[in-house]
N, C-alpha and C. Protein backbone atom coordinates (compact mmCIF):
# COMPACT_ATOMS: atom_id res chain seq x y z
N UNK A 1 -18.13 13.13 -10.86
CA UNK A 1 -16.76 12.71 -11.02
C UNK A 1 -16.17 12.39 -9.65
N UNK A 2 -15.45 11.32 -9.58
CA UNK A 2 -14.82 10.89 -8.33
C UNK A 2 -13.47 11.58 -8.18
N UNK A 3 -13.36 12.46 -7.16
CA UNK A 3 -12.12 13.15 -6.91
C UNK A 3 -11.37 12.56 -5.73
N UNK A 4 -12.10 12.20 -4.69
CA UNK A 4 -11.49 11.59 -3.52
C UNK A 4 -12.35 10.44 -3.07
N UNK A 5 -11.82 9.33 -2.83
CA UNK A 5 -10.44 8.92 -3.10
C UNK A 5 -10.23 8.68 -4.60
N UNK A 6 -9.03 8.81 -5.04
CA UNK A 6 -8.75 8.62 -6.47
C UNK A 6 -8.87 7.15 -6.85
N UNK A 7 -9.22 6.92 -8.08
CA UNK A 7 -9.36 5.55 -8.58
C UNK A 7 -8.04 4.80 -8.46
N UNK A 8 -6.94 5.49 -8.70
CA UNK A 8 -5.62 4.85 -8.58
C UNK A 8 -5.36 4.37 -7.15
N UNK A 9 -5.71 5.19 -6.16
CA UNK A 9 -5.54 4.78 -4.76
C UNK A 9 -6.41 3.58 -4.43
N UNK A 10 -7.63 3.58 -4.95
CA UNK A 10 -8.55 2.48 -4.69
C UNK A 10 -8.07 1.19 -5.33
N UNK A 11 -7.54 1.28 -6.55
CA UNK A 11 -7.08 0.08 -7.25
C UNK A 11 -5.78 -0.46 -6.67
N UNK A 12 -5.10 0.33 -5.86
CA UNK A 12 -3.95 -0.19 -5.11
C UNK A 12 -4.42 -1.14 -4.01
N UNK A 13 -5.64 -0.95 -3.55
CA UNK A 13 -6.20 -1.76 -2.45
C UNK A 13 -7.01 -2.96 -2.93
N UNK A 14 -7.63 -2.82 -4.12
CA UNK A 14 -8.50 -3.87 -4.68
C UNK A 14 -7.98 -4.19 -6.07
N UNK A 15 -7.96 -5.46 -6.44
CA UNK A 15 -7.27 -5.87 -7.66
C UNK A 15 -8.01 -5.61 -8.97
N UNK A 16 -9.30 -5.27 -8.94
CA UNK A 16 -10.00 -4.98 -10.20
C UNK A 16 -11.12 -3.97 -9.97
N UNK A 17 -11.49 -3.27 -11.01
CA UNK A 17 -12.58 -2.31 -10.92
C UNK A 17 -13.89 -2.99 -10.58
N UNK A 18 -14.12 -4.16 -11.14
CA UNK A 18 -15.34 -4.91 -10.85
C UNK A 18 -15.42 -5.24 -9.36
N UNK A 19 -14.35 -5.75 -8.80
CA UNK A 19 -14.33 -6.09 -7.38
C UNK A 19 -14.53 -4.85 -6.51
N UNK A 20 -13.94 -3.75 -6.92
CA UNK A 20 -14.09 -2.50 -6.20
C UNK A 20 -15.55 -2.06 -6.18
N UNK A 21 -16.21 -2.10 -7.32
CA UNK A 21 -17.61 -1.69 -7.41
C UNK A 21 -18.49 -2.59 -6.57
N UNK A 22 -18.25 -3.89 -6.63
CA UNK A 22 -19.07 -4.83 -5.85
C UNK A 22 -18.87 -4.61 -4.35
N UNK A 23 -17.64 -4.43 -3.93
CA UNK A 23 -17.34 -4.21 -2.52
C UNK A 23 -17.98 -2.91 -2.03
N UNK A 24 -17.79 -1.84 -2.79
CA UNK A 24 -18.32 -0.54 -2.38
C UNK A 24 -19.84 -0.52 -2.39
N UNK A 25 -20.46 -1.16 -3.36
CA UNK A 25 -21.93 -1.15 -3.40
C UNK A 25 -22.52 -1.95 -2.25
N UNK A 26 -21.92 -3.08 -1.92
CA UNK A 26 -22.39 -3.86 -0.77
C UNK A 26 -22.25 -3.05 0.52
N UNK A 27 -21.13 -2.40 0.69
CA UNK A 27 -20.91 -1.61 1.91
C UNK A 27 -21.85 -0.41 1.95
N UNK A 28 -22.11 0.24 0.82
CA UNK A 28 -23.02 1.37 0.78
C UNK A 28 -24.43 0.94 1.21
N UNK A 29 -24.86 -0.24 0.77
CA UNK A 29 -26.16 -0.76 1.18
C UNK A 29 -26.18 -1.02 2.69
N UNK A 30 -25.09 -1.53 3.22
CA UNK A 30 -25.00 -1.76 4.67
C UNK A 30 -25.10 -0.44 5.44
N UNK A 31 -24.40 0.59 4.94
CA UNK A 31 -24.44 1.89 5.59
C UNK A 31 -25.84 2.49 5.54
N UNK A 32 -26.52 2.34 4.42
CA UNK A 32 -27.90 2.83 4.30
C UNK A 32 -28.82 2.12 5.28
N UNK A 33 -28.53 0.86 5.56
CA UNK A 33 -29.36 0.07 6.47
C UNK A 33 -29.02 0.33 7.94
N UNK A 34 -28.05 1.19 8.20
CA UNK A 34 -27.72 1.54 9.57
C UNK A 34 -26.49 0.89 10.15
N UNK A 35 -25.63 0.31 9.31
CA UNK A 35 -24.40 -0.31 9.80
C UNK A 35 -23.49 0.73 10.45
N UNK A 36 -22.71 0.26 11.40
CA UNK A 36 -21.78 1.13 12.11
C UNK A 36 -20.68 1.62 11.17
N UNK A 37 -20.41 2.92 11.16
CA UNK A 37 -19.31 3.45 10.34
C UNK A 37 -17.96 2.91 10.79
N UNK A 38 -17.07 2.70 9.84
CA UNK A 38 -15.74 2.19 10.15
C UNK A 38 -14.71 3.31 10.34
N UNK A 39 -15.07 4.53 9.94
CA UNK A 39 -14.19 5.68 10.10
C UNK A 39 -14.85 6.71 11.01
N UNK A 40 -14.06 7.51 11.68
CA UNK A 40 -14.59 8.55 12.57
C UNK A 40 -15.10 9.75 11.78
N UNK A 41 -14.50 10.02 10.62
CA UNK A 41 -14.84 11.21 9.85
C UNK A 41 -14.84 10.88 8.36
N UNK A 42 -15.84 11.37 7.65
CA UNK A 42 -15.96 11.15 6.21
C UNK A 42 -16.01 12.49 5.48
N UNK A 43 -15.47 12.55 4.28
CA UNK A 43 -15.58 13.73 3.43
C UNK A 43 -16.88 13.71 2.63
N UNK A 44 -17.35 12.54 2.29
CA UNK A 44 -18.52 12.40 1.44
C UNK A 44 -19.81 12.28 2.25
N UNK A 45 -20.87 12.96 1.82
CA UNK A 45 -22.16 12.81 2.50
C UNK A 45 -22.93 11.58 2.00
N UNK A 46 -22.51 11.00 0.89
CA UNK A 46 -23.21 9.86 0.30
C UNK A 46 -22.59 8.54 0.75
N UNK A 47 -23.44 7.52 0.84
CA UNK A 47 -22.96 6.23 1.33
C UNK A 47 -21.94 5.58 0.41
N UNK A 48 -22.10 5.73 -0.89
CA UNK A 48 -21.13 5.13 -1.82
C UNK A 48 -19.76 5.81 -1.66
N UNK A 49 -19.75 7.11 -1.48
CA UNK A 49 -18.51 7.83 -1.24
C UNK A 49 -17.86 7.41 0.07
N UNK A 50 -18.69 7.20 1.09
CA UNK A 50 -18.18 6.75 2.39
C UNK A 50 -17.58 5.35 2.28
N UNK A 51 -18.24 4.49 1.53
CA UNK A 51 -17.72 3.13 1.33
C UNK A 51 -16.36 3.19 0.63
N UNK A 52 -16.24 4.03 -0.38
CA UNK A 52 -14.96 4.15 -1.09
C UNK A 52 -13.88 4.75 -0.19
N UNK A 53 -14.25 5.66 0.69
CA UNK A 53 -13.28 6.20 1.65
C UNK A 53 -12.79 5.11 2.60
N UNK A 54 -13.68 4.21 2.98
CA UNK A 54 -13.27 3.10 3.84
C UNK A 54 -12.30 2.17 3.13
N UNK A 55 -12.52 1.95 1.84
CA UNK A 55 -11.59 1.13 1.05
C UNK A 55 -10.23 1.82 0.99
N UNK A 56 -10.24 3.12 0.68
CA UNK A 56 -8.97 3.87 0.56
C UNK A 56 -8.21 3.89 1.87
N UNK A 57 -8.93 3.92 3.00
CA UNK A 57 -8.28 3.94 4.31
C UNK A 57 -7.75 2.57 4.71
N UNK A 58 -8.15 1.53 4.00
CA UNK A 58 -7.67 0.19 4.30
C UNK A 58 -8.46 -0.52 5.38
N UNK A 59 -9.59 0.04 5.79
CA UNK A 59 -10.40 -0.61 6.83
C UNK A 59 -11.49 -1.51 6.24
N UNK A 60 -11.71 -1.40 4.95
CA UNK A 60 -12.67 -2.25 4.25
C UNK A 60 -11.95 -2.93 3.11
N UNK A 61 -11.98 -4.26 3.12
CA UNK A 61 -11.30 -5.01 2.07
C UNK A 61 -12.08 -6.28 1.75
N UNK A 62 -11.74 -6.90 0.67
CA UNK A 62 -12.41 -8.12 0.24
C UNK A 62 -11.95 -9.28 1.10
N UNK A 63 -12.90 -10.08 1.54
CA UNK A 63 -12.59 -11.28 2.31
C UNK A 63 -12.01 -12.31 1.33
N UNK A 64 -10.77 -12.74 1.52
CA UNK A 64 -10.16 -13.68 0.57
C UNK A 64 -10.85 -15.04 0.56
N UNK A 65 -11.61 -15.36 1.62
CA UNK A 65 -12.31 -16.65 1.68
C UNK A 65 -13.65 -16.63 0.97
N UNK A 66 -14.19 -15.43 0.69
CA UNK A 66 -15.47 -15.34 0.01
C UNK A 66 -15.26 -15.53 -1.48
N UNK A 67 -15.95 -16.50 -2.06
CA UNK A 67 -15.74 -16.86 -3.46
C UNK A 67 -16.56 -16.02 -4.43
N UNK A 68 -17.80 -15.63 -4.05
CA UNK A 68 -18.70 -14.96 -4.96
C UNK A 68 -19.17 -13.64 -4.35
N UNK A 69 -18.81 -12.52 -4.98
CA UNK A 69 -19.20 -11.21 -4.49
C UNK A 69 -20.63 -10.85 -4.88
N UNK A 70 -21.26 -11.63 -5.72
CA UNK A 70 -22.61 -11.29 -6.17
C UNK A 70 -23.67 -11.61 -5.15
N UNK A 71 -23.40 -12.43 -4.16
CA UNK A 71 -24.43 -12.82 -3.17
C UNK A 71 -24.38 -11.99 -1.93
């Protein structure tokens, strides 16, 4: 169960659940591959939780110029 960040907080930053999942999963894969963290401290030990924390903090957002999140 997702306790932090709350789904409501996340949906304030991203306009749909689908977009949120796509954004977080892409970022989690980047973190697993060794990408530089965007936050100094994380509550979650898992990459998907860390990606969601970055969304909640406002440091990770959808690029408005990118048309397709599936690629």
